[in-house]
Amino acid sequence: MALKMHPSISVHAGRWLMSEIVESSGHSITNLAAEMGVSRQALSTVLNGHASLSAEMALRFERQFKISADTLMRMQTSYDLAQARLQLAG
């Protein structure tokens, strides 16, 4: 039997990155976007939870902050599944 995780436990990878990594590192979104080679809008959209974290963006975070892209993608997938379950249940 598989364990079920309550949807409220799932966290959007971008929101987690914003609160735990980006803010604590002292980067502005504008400067970080330039360092990572992405547009400010693309980075802001992910960090504010308005778009899912892509594999490419996860790899950019891995390179920038030495955080596992695999872990970030699992976090995003878990969040996406929890949101889908909530929509289907409603």
PDB file of N, CA and C in Angstrom:
ATOM      1  N   MET A   1       0.841  -1.176   0.000  1.00  0.00           N
ATOM      2  CA  MET A   1       0.000   0.000   0.000  1.00  0.00           C
ATOM      3  C   MET A   1       0.892   1.247   0.000  1.00  0.00           C
ATOM      4  N   ALA A   2       0.612   2.144  -0.899  1.00  0.00           N
ATOM      5  CA  ALA A   2       1.398   3.375  -0.995  1.00  0.00           C
ATOM      6  C   ALA A   2       0.962   4.381   0.058  1.00  0.00           C
ATOM      7  N   LEU A   3       1.938   5.125   0.547  1.00  0.00           N
ATOM      8  CA  LEU A   3       1.620   6.184   1.501  1.00  0.00           C
ATOM      9  C   LEU A   3       1.028   7.363   0.753  1.00  0.00           C
ATOM     10  N   LYS A   4       0.008   7.977   1.332  1.00  0.00           N
ATOM     11  CA  LYS A   4      -0.587   9.167   0.735  1.00  0.00           C
ATOM     12  C   LYS A   4      -0.122  10.380   1.507  1.00  0.00           C
ATOM     13  N   MET A   5       0.310  11.380   0.773  1.00  0.00           N
ATOM     14  CA  MET A   5       0.765  12.613   1.385  1.00  0.00           C
ATOM     15  C   MET A   5      -0.360  13.638   1.265  1.00  0.00           C
ATOM     16  N   HIS A   6      -0.657  14.314   2.346  1.00  0.00           N
ATOM     17  CA  HIS A   6      -1.694  15.337   2.309  1.00  0.00           C
ATOM     18  C   HIS A   6      -1.233  16.482   1.408  1.00  0.00           C
ATOM     19  N   PRO A   7      -2.120  16.987   0.537  1.00  0.00           N
ATOM     20  CA  PRO A   7      -1.728  18.053  -0.405  1.00  0.00           C
ATOM     21  C   PRO A   7      -1.153  19.298   0.266  1.00  0.00           C
ATOM     22  N   SER A   8      -1.543  19.563   1.493  1.00  0.00           N
ATOM     23  CA  SER A   8      -1.040  20.769   2.161  1.00  0.00           C
ATOM     24  C   SER A   8       0.443  20.679   2.483  1.00  0.00           C
ATOM     25  N   ILE A   9       1.013  19.501   2.440  1.00  0.00           N
ATOM     26  CA  ILE A   9       2.433  19.314   2.722  1.00  0.00           C
ATOM     27  C   ILE A   9       3.285  19.681   1.503  1.00  0.00           C
ATOM     28  N   SER A  10       2.715  19.559   0.321  1.00  0.00           N
ATOM     29  CA  SER A  10       3.448  19.830  -0.912  1.00  0.00           C
ATOM     30  C   SER A  10       3.743  21.318  -1.052  1.00  0.00           C
ATOM     31  N   VAL A  11       4.958  21.618  -1.486  1.00  0.00           N
ATOM     32  CA  VAL A  11       5.393  22.999  -1.647  1.00  0.00           C
ATOM     33  C   VAL A  11       5.881  23.185  -3.074  1.00  0.00           C
ATOM     34  N   HIS A  12       5.457  24.264  -3.691  1.00  0.00           N
ATOM     35  CA  HIS A  12       5.928  24.604  -5.038  1.00  0.00           C
ATOM     36  C   HIS A  12       7.438  24.825  -4.968  1.00  0.00           C
ATOM     37  N   ALA A  13       8.171  24.205  -5.857  1.00  0.00           N
ATOM     38  CA  ALA A  13       9.636  24.298  -5.831  1.00  0.00           C
ATOM     39  C   ALA A  13      10.118  25.738  -5.941  1.00  0.00           C
ATOM     40  N   GLY A  14       9.465  26.540  -6.763  1.00  0.00           N
ATOM     41  CA  GLY A  14       9.868  27.935  -6.918  1.00  0.00           C
ATOM     42  C   GLY A  14       9.680  28.749  -5.655  1.00  0.00           C
ATOM     43  N   ARG A  15       8.552  28.542  -4.997  1.00  0.00           N
ATOM     44  CA  ARG A  15       8.308  29.269  -3.741  1.00  0.00           C
ATOM     45  C   ARG A  15       9.319  28.858  -2.680  1.00  0.00           C
ATOM     46  N   TRP A  16       9.652  27.567  -2.647  1.00  0.00           N
ATOM     47  CA  TRP A  16      10.656  27.097  -1.686  1.00  0.00           C
ATOM     48  C   TRP A  16      12.015  27.716  -2.003  1.00  0.00           C
ATOM     49  N   LEU A  17      12.375  27.719  -3.270  1.00  0.00           N
ATOM     50  CA  LEU A  17      13.647  28.320  -3.665  1.00  0.00           C
ATOM     51  C   LEU A  17      13.698  29.795  -3.271  1.00  0.00           C
ATOM     52  N   MET A  18      12.608  30.503  -3.474  1.00  0.00           N
ATOM     53  CA  MET A  18      12.568  31.923  -3.137  1.00  0.00           C
ATOM     54  C   MET A  18      12.783  32.140  -1.647  1.00  0.00           C
ATOM     55  N   SER A  19      12.032  31.413  -0.823  1.00  0.00           N
ATOM     56  CA  SER A  19      12.095  31.659   0.619  1.00  0.00           C
ATOM     57  C   SER A  19      13.354  31.094   1.277  1.00  0.00           C
ATOM     58  N   GLU A  20      13.829  29.957   0.806  1.00  0.00           N
ATOM     59  CA  GLU A  20      14.941  29.289   1.481  1.00  0.00           C
ATOM     60  C   GLU A  20      16.311  29.539   0.862  1.00  0.00           C
ATOM     61  N   ILE A  21      16.355  29.845  -0.406  1.00  0.00           N
ATOM     62  CA  ILE A  21      17.643  29.973  -1.092  1.00  0.00           C
ATOM     63  C   ILE A  21      17.895  31.410  -1.565  1.00  0.00           C
ATOM     64  N   VAL A  22      17.014  31.928  -2.378  1.00  0.00           N
ATOM     65  CA  VAL A  22      17.249  33.230  -3.004  1.00  0.00           C
ATOM     66  C   VAL A  22      17.261  34.354  -1.975  1.00  0.00           C
ATOM     67  N   GLU A  23      16.226  34.438  -1.146  1.00  0.00           N
ATOM     68  CA  GLU A  23      16.164  35.515  -0.155  1.00  0.00           C
ATOM     69  C   GLU A  23      17.318  35.437   0.839  1.00  0.00           C
ATOM     70  N   SER A  24      17.651  34.235   1.281  1.00  0.00           N
ATOM     71  CA  SER A  24      18.726  34.098   2.272  1.00  0.00           C
ATOM     72  C   SER A  24      20.108  34.374   1.681  1.00  0.00           C
ATOM     73  N   SER A  25      20.234  34.262   0.358  1.00  0.00           N
ATOM     74  CA  SER A  25      21.530  34.525  -0.275  1.00  0.00           C
ATOM     75  C   SER A  25      21.732  36.018  -0.559  1.00  0.00           C
ATOM     76  N   GLY A  26      20.668  36.795  -0.413  1.00  0.00           N
ATOM     77  CA  GLY A  26      20.770  38.232  -0.634  1.00  0.00           C
ATOM     78  C   GLY A  26      20.709  38.662  -2.090  1.00  0.00           C
ATOM     79  N   HIS A  27      20.365  37.743  -2.995  1.00  0.00           N
ATOM     80  CA  HIS A  27      20.254  38.076  -4.417  1.00  0.00           C
ATOM     81  C   HIS A  27      18.937  38.800  -4.693  1.00  0.00           C
ATOM     82  N   SER A  28      18.972  39.731  -5.618  1.00  0.00           N
ATOM     83  CA  SER A  28      17.727  40.277  -6.149  1.00  0.00           C
ATOM     84  C   SER A  28      17.342  39.396  -7.335  1.00  0.00           C
ATOM     85  N   ILE A  29      16.075  39.388  -7.669  1.00  0.00           N
ATOM     86  CA  ILE A  29      15.637  38.579  -8.809  1.00  0.00           C
ATOM     87  C   ILE A  29      16.308  39.066 -10.088  1.00  0.00           C
ATOM     88  N   THR A  30      16.441  40.372 -10.233  1.00  0.00           N
ATOM     89  CA  THR A  30      17.066  40.932 -11.436  1.00  0.00           C
ATOM     90  C   THR A  30      18.518  40.470 -11.583  1.00  0.00           C
ATOM     91  N   ASN A  31      19.295  40.583 -10.506  1.00  0.00           N
ATOM     92  CA  ASN A  31      20.698  40.176 -10.570  1.00  0.00           C
ATOM     93  C   ASN A  31      20.846  38.669 -10.740  1.00  0.00           C
ATOM     94  N   LEU A  32      20.014  37.911 -10.024  1.00  0.00           N
ATOM     95  CA  LEU A  32      20.091  36.462 -10.133  1.00  0.00           C
ATOM     96  C   LEU A  32      19.732  36.004 -11.545  1.00  0.00           C
ATOM     97  N   ALA A  33      18.716  36.614 -12.138  1.00  0.00           N
ATOM     98  CA  ALA A  33      18.329  36.249 -13.503  1.00  0.00           C
ATOM     99  C   ALA A  33      19.495  36.476 -14.469  1.00  0.00           C
ATOM    100  N   ALA A  34      20.182  37.598 -14.307  1.00  0.00           N
ATOM    101  CA  ALA A  34      21.334  37.880 -15.173  1.00  0.00           C
ATOM    102  C   ALA A  34      22.440  36.848 -14.963  1.00  0.00           C
ATOM    103  N   GLU A  35      22.716  36.493 -13.713  1.00  0.00           N
ATOM    104  CA  GLU A  35      23.755  35.495 -13.416  1.00  0.00           C
ATOM    105  C   GLU A  35      23.401  34.126 -13.983  1.00  0.00           C
ATOM    106  N   MET A  36      22.110  33.790 -13.962  1.00  0.00           N
ATOM    107  CA  MET A  36      21.664  32.472 -14.420  1.00  0.00           C
ATOM    108  C   MET A  36      21.402  32.428 -15.931  1.00  0.00           C
ATOM    109  N   GLY A  37      21.413  33.587 -16.580  1.00  0.00           N
ATOM    110  CA  GLY A  37      21.197  33.630 -18.020  1.00  0.00           C
ATOM    111  C   GLY A  37      19.743  33.438 -18.435  1.00  0.00           C
ATOM    112  N   VAL A  38      18.809  33.912 -17.599  1.00  0.00           N
ATOM    113  CA  VAL A  38      17.385  33.838 -17.924  1.00  0.00           C
ATOM    114  C   VAL A  38      16.785  35.234 -17.779  1.00  0.00           C
ATOM    115  N   SER A  39      15.584  35.410 -18.296  1.00  0.00           N
ATOM    116  CA  SER A  39      14.935  36.712 -18.152  1.00  0.00           C
ATOM    117  C   SER A  39      14.425  36.886 -16.723  1.00  0.00           C
ATOM    118  N   ARG A  40      14.332  38.137 -16.311  1.00  0.00           N
ATOM    119  CA  ARG A  40      13.812  38.440 -14.979  1.00  0.00           C
ATOM    120  C   ARG A  40      12.378  37.916 -14.849  1.00  0.00           C
ATOM    121  N   GLN A  41      11.593  38.090 -15.907  1.00  0.00           N
ATOM    122  CA  GLN A  41      10.193  37.656 -15.893  1.00  0.00           C
ATOM    123  C   GLN A  41      10.080  36.140 -15.713  1.00  0.00           C
ATOM    124  N   ALA A  42      10.897  35.388 -16.444  1.00  0.00           N
ATOM    125  CA  ALA A  42      10.852  33.926 -16.341  1.00  0.00           C
ATOM    126  C   ALA A  42      11.205  33.471 -14.923  1.00  0.00           C
ATOM    127  N   LEU A  43      12.245  34.056 -14.347  1.00  0.00           N
ATOM    128  CA  LEU A  43      12.663  33.682 -13.004  1.00  0.00           C
ATOM    129  C   LEU A  43      11.609  34.078 -11.973  1.00  0.00           C
ATOM    130  N   SER A  44      11.089  35.287 -12.086  1.00  0.00           N
ATOM    131  CA  SER A  44      10.077  35.774 -11.161  1.00  0.00           C
ATOM    132  C   SER A  44       8.827  34.903 -11.196  1.00  0.00           C
ATOM    133  N   THR A  45       8.406  34.506 -12.387  1.00  0.00           N
ATOM    134  CA  THR A  45       7.209  33.681 -12.538  1.00  0.00           C
ATOM    135  C   THR A  45       7.360  32.350 -11.811  1.00  0.00           C
ATOM    136  N   VAL A  46       8.519  31.740 -11.915  1.00  0.00           N
ATOM    137  CA  VAL A  46       8.768  30.465 -11.220  1.00  0.00           C
ATOM    138  C   VAL A  46       8.862  30.685  -9.714  1.00  0.00           C
ATOM    139  N   LEU A  47       9.646  31.676  -9.296  1.00  0.00           N
ATOM    140  CA  LEU A  47       9.867  31.896  -7.864  1.00  0.00           C
ATOM    141  C   LEU A  47       8.600  32.313  -7.128  1.00  0.00           C
ATOM    142  N   ASN A  48       7.657  32.907  -7.821  1.00  0.00           N
ATOM    143  CA  ASN A  48       6.399  33.305  -7.205  1.00  0.00           C
ATOM    144  C   ASN A  48       5.313  32.241  -7.334  1.00  0.00           C
ATOM    145  N   GLY A  49       5.673  31.077  -7.897  1.00  0.00           N
ATOM    146  CA  GLY A  49       4.743  29.956  -7.970  1.00  0.00           C
ATOM    147  C   GLY A  49       3.706  30.053  -9.067  1.00  0.00           C
ATOM    148  N   HIS A  50       3.926  30.918 -10.059  1.00  0.00           N
ATOM    149  CA  HIS A  50       2.964  31.072 -11.146  1.00  0.00           C
ATOM    150  C   HIS A  50       3.281  30.181 -12.339  1.00  0.00           C
ATOM    151  N   ALA A  51       4.424  29.528 -12.313  1.00  0.00           N
ATOM    152  CA  ALA A  51       4.807  28.571 -13.356  1.00  0.00           C
ATOM    153  C   ALA A  51       5.587  27.446 -12.694  1.00  0.00           C
ATOM    154  N   SER A  52       5.461  26.265 -13.254  1.00  0.00           N
ATOM    155  CA  SER A  52       6.205  25.124 -12.728  1.00  0.00           C
ATOM    156  C   SER A  52       7.690  25.267 -13.032  1.00  0.00           C
ATOM    157  N   LEU A  53       8.491  24.707 -12.164  1.00  0.00           N
ATOM    158  CA  LEU A  53       9.931  24.673 -12.378  1.00  0.00           C
ATOM    159  C   LEU A  53      10.236  23.684 -13.496  1.00  0.00           C
ATOM    160  N   SER A  54      10.918  24.124 -14.528  1.00  0.00           N
ATOM    161  CA  SER A  54      11.298  23.238 -15.638  1.00  0.00           C
ATOM    162  C   SER A  54      12.608  22.537 -15.298  1.00  0.00           C
ATOM    163  N   ALA A  55      12.886  21.477 -16.038  1.00  0.00           N
ATOM    164  CA  ALA A  55      14.147  20.760 -15.846  1.00  0.00           C
ATOM    165  C   ALA A  55      15.334  21.683 -16.126  1.00  0.00           C
ATOM    166  N   GLU A  56      15.221  22.514 -17.154  1.00  0.00           N
ATOM    167  CA  GLU A  56      16.306  23.430 -17.486  1.00  0.00           C
ATOM    168  C   GLU A  56      16.549  24.435 -16.356  1.00  0.00           C
ATOM    169  N   MET A  57      15.472  24.975 -15.801  1.00  0.00           N
ATOM    170  CA  MET A  57      15.621  25.942 -14.710  1.00  0.00           C
ATOM    171  C   MET A  57      16.174  25.249 -13.462  1.00  0.00           C
ATOM    172  N   ALA A  58      15.757  24.013 -13.221  1.00  0.00           N
ATOM    173  CA  ALA A  58      16.291  23.252 -12.082  1.00  0.00           C
ATOM    174  C   ALA A  58      17.804  23.074 -12.231  1.00  0.00           C
ATOM    175  N   LEU A  59      18.256  22.797 -13.441  1.00  0.00           N
ATOM    176  CA  LEU A  59      19.695  22.651 -13.683  1.00  0.00           C
ATOM    177  C   LEU A  59      20.435  23.970 -13.481  1.00  0.00           C
ATOM    178  N   ARG A  60      19.806  25.061 -13.831  1.00  0.00           N
ATOM    179  CA  ARG A  60      20.425  26.373 -13.607  1.00  0.00           C
ATOM    180  C   ARG A  60      20.561  26.661 -12.108  1.00  0.00           C
ATOM    181  N   PHE A  61      19.539  26.289 -11.328  1.00  0.00           N
ATOM    182  CA  PHE A  61      19.633  26.452  -9.882  1.00  0.00           C
ATOM    183  C   PHE A  61      20.696  25.527  -9.297  1.00  0.00           C
ATOM    184  N   GLU A  62      20.805  24.320  -9.840  1.00  0.00           N
ATOM    185  CA  GLU A  62      21.830  23.387  -9.387  1.00  0.00           C
ATOM    186  C   GLU A  62      23.217  23.989  -9.600  1.00  0.00           C
ATOM    187  N   ARG A  63      23.434  24.566 -10.759  1.00  0.00           N
ATOM    188  CA  ARG A  63      24.724  25.175 -11.079  1.00  0.00           C
ATOM    189  C   ARG A  63      24.995  26.399 -10.191  1.00  0.00           C
ATOM    190  N   GLN A  64      23.975  27.207  -9.979  1.00  0.00           N
ATOM    191  CA  GLN A  64      24.136  28.453  -9.237  1.00  0.00           C
ATOM    192  C   GLN A  64      24.311  28.239  -7.736  1.00  0.00           C
ATOM    193  N   PHE A  65      23.512  27.310  -7.162  1.00  0.00           N
ATOM    194  CA  PHE A  65      23.475  27.163  -5.705  1.00  0.00           C
ATOM    195  C   PHE A  65      23.916  25.790  -5.199  1.00  0.00           C
ATOM    196  N   LYS A  66      24.337  24.910  -6.102  1.00  0.00           N
ATOM    197  CA  LYS A  66      24.790  23.567  -5.710  1.00  0.00           C
ATOM    198  C   LYS A  66      23.688  22.780  -5.000  1.00  0.00           C
ATOM    199  N   ILE A  67      22.465  22.951  -5.466  1.00  0.00           N
ATOM    200  CA  ILE A  67      21.325  22.201  -4.933  1.00  0.00           C
ATOM    201  C   ILE A  67      20.882  21.219  -6.015  1.00  0.00           C
ATOM    202  N   SER A  68      20.558  20.014  -5.640  1.00  0.00           N
ATOM    203  CA  SER A  68      20.256  18.959  -6.596  1.00  0.00           C
ATOM    204  C   SER A  68      19.035  19.280  -7.464  1.00  0.00           C
ATOM    205  N   ALA A  69      19.245  19.274  -8.772  1.00  0.00           N
ATOM    206  CA  ALA A  69      18.140  19.469  -9.708  1.00  0.00           C
ATOM    207  C   ALA A  69      17.132  18.328  -9.581  1.00  0.00           C
ATOM    208  N   ASP A  70      17.623  17.126  -9.286  1.00  0.00           N
ATOM    209  CA  ASP A  70      16.727  15.977  -9.105  1.00  0.00           C
ATOM    210  C   ASP A  70      15.764  16.217  -7.940  1.00  0.00           C
ATOM    211  N   THR A  71      16.287  16.728  -6.851  1.00  0.00           N
ATOM    212  CA  THR A  71      15.451  17.016  -5.682  1.00  0.00           C
ATOM    213  C   THR A  71      14.423  18.089  -6.013  1.00  0.00           C
ATOM    214  N   LEU A  72      14.860  19.131  -6.704  1.00  0.00           N
ATOM    215  CA  LEU A  72      13.934  20.198  -7.078  1.00  0.00           C
ATOM    216  C   LEU A  72      12.827  19.682  -7.993  1.00  0.00           C
ATOM    217  N   MET A  73      13.168  18.813  -8.925  1.00  0.00           N
ATOM    218  CA  MET A  73      12.159  18.266  -9.831  1.00  0.00           C
ATOM    219  C   MET A  73      11.195  17.344  -9.098  1.00  0.00           C
ATOM    220  N   ARG A  74      11.688  16.568  -8.135  1.00  0.00           N
ATOM    221  CA  ARG A  74      10.786  15.729  -7.327  1.00  0.00           C
ATOM    222  C   ARG A  74       9.831  16.599  -6.518  1.00  0.00           C
ATOM    223  N   MET A  75      10.344  17.689  -5.974  1.00  0.00           N
ATOM    224  CA  MET A  75       9.517  18.616  -5.217  1.00  0.00           C
ATOM    225  C   MET A  75       8.418  19.196  -6.112  1.00  0.00           C
ATOM    226  N   GLN A  76       8.777  19.607  -7.320  1.00  0.00           N
ATOM    227  CA  GLN A  76       7.800  20.184  -8.241  1.00  0.00           C
ATOM    228  C   GLN A  76       6.762  19.148  -8.655  1.00  0.00           C
ATOM    229  N   THR A  77       7.207  17.932  -8.946  1.00  0.00           N
ATOM    230  CA  THR A  77       6.274  16.871  -9.344  1.00  0.00           C
ATOM    231  C   THR A  77       5.310  16.542  -8.222  1.00  0.00           C
ATOM    232  N   SER A  78       5.808  16.489  -7.008  1.00  0.00           N
ATOM    233  CA  SER A  78       4.952  16.226  -5.852  1.00  0.00           C
ATOM    234  C   SER A  78       3.889  17.309  -5.713  1.00  0.00           C
ATOM    235  N   TYR A  79       4.290  18.559  -5.884  1.00  0.00           N
ATOM    236  CA  TYR A  79       3.362  19.676  -5.799  1.00  0.00           C
ATOM    237  C   TYR A  79       2.309  19.583  -6.914  1.00  0.00           C
ATOM    238  N   ASP A  80       2.761  19.327  -8.137  1.00  0.00           N
ATOM    239  CA  ASP A  80       1.846  19.240  -9.275  1.00  0.00           C
ATOM    240  C   ASP A  80       0.819  18.120  -9.081  1.00  0.00           C
ATOM    241  N   LEU A  81       1.268  16.966  -8.592  1.00  0.00           N
ATOM    242  CA  LEU A  81       0.346  15.856  -8.332  1.00  0.00           C
ATOM    243  C   LEU A  81      -0.660  16.215  -7.233  1.00  0.00           C
ATOM    244  N   ALA A  82      -0.213  16.865  -6.185  1.00  0.00           N
ATOM    245  CA  ALA A  82      -1.110  17.263  -5.100  1.00  0.00           C
ATOM    246  C   ALA A  82      -2.174  18.234  -5.611  1.00  0.00           C
ATOM    247  N   GLN A  83      -1.771  19.159  -6.474  1.00  0.00           N
ATOM    248  CA  GLN A  83      -2.730  20.116  -7.027  1.00  0.00           C
ATOM    249  C   GLN A  83      -3.742  19.410  -7.933  1.00  0.00           C
ATOM    250  N   ALA A  84      -3.290  18.457  -8.724  1.00  0.00           N
ATOM    251  CA  ALA A  84      -4.180  17.695  -9.596  1.00  0.00           C
ATOM    252  C   ALA A  84      -5.176  16.881  -8.769  1.00  0.00           C
ATOM    253  N   ARG A  85      -4.699  16.286  -7.686  1.00  0.00           N
ATOM    254  CA  ARG A  85      -5.593  15.519  -6.811  1.00  0.00           C
ATOM    255  C   ARG A  85      -6.670  16.416  -6.204  1.00  0.00           C
ATOM    256  N   LEU A  86      -6.281  17.601  -5.782  1.00  0.00           N
ATOM    257  CA  LEU A  86      -7.249  18.532  -5.222  1.00  0.00           C
ATOM    258  C   LEU A  86      -8.302  18.937  -6.259  1.00  0.00           C
ATOM    259  N   GLN A  87      -7.872  19.162  -7.479  1.00  0.00           N
ATOM    260  CA  GLN A  87      -8.820  19.556  -8.532  1.00  0.00           C
ATOM    261  C   GLN A  87      -9.769  18.439  -8.881  1.00  0.00           C
ATOM    262  N   LEU A  88      -9.263  17.208  -8.921  1.00  0.00           N
ATOM    263  CA  LEU A  88     -10.123  16.065  -9.246  1.00  0.00           C
ATOM    264  C   LEU A  88     -11.088  15.742  -8.109  1.00  0.00           C
ATOM    265  N   ALA A  89     -10.676  16.002  -6.883  1.00  0.00           N
ATOM    266  CA  ALA A  89     -11.522  15.715  -5.731  1.00  0.00           C
ATOM    267  C   ALA A  89     -12.647  16.739  -5.597  1.00  0.00           C
ATOM    268  N   GLY A  90     -12.395  17.957  -6.104  1.00  0.00           N
ATOM    269  CA  GLY A  90     -13.351  19.048  -5.936  1.00  0.00           C
ATOM    270  C   GLY A  90     -14.421  18.991  -6.937  1.00  0.00           C
TER     271      GLY A  90
END
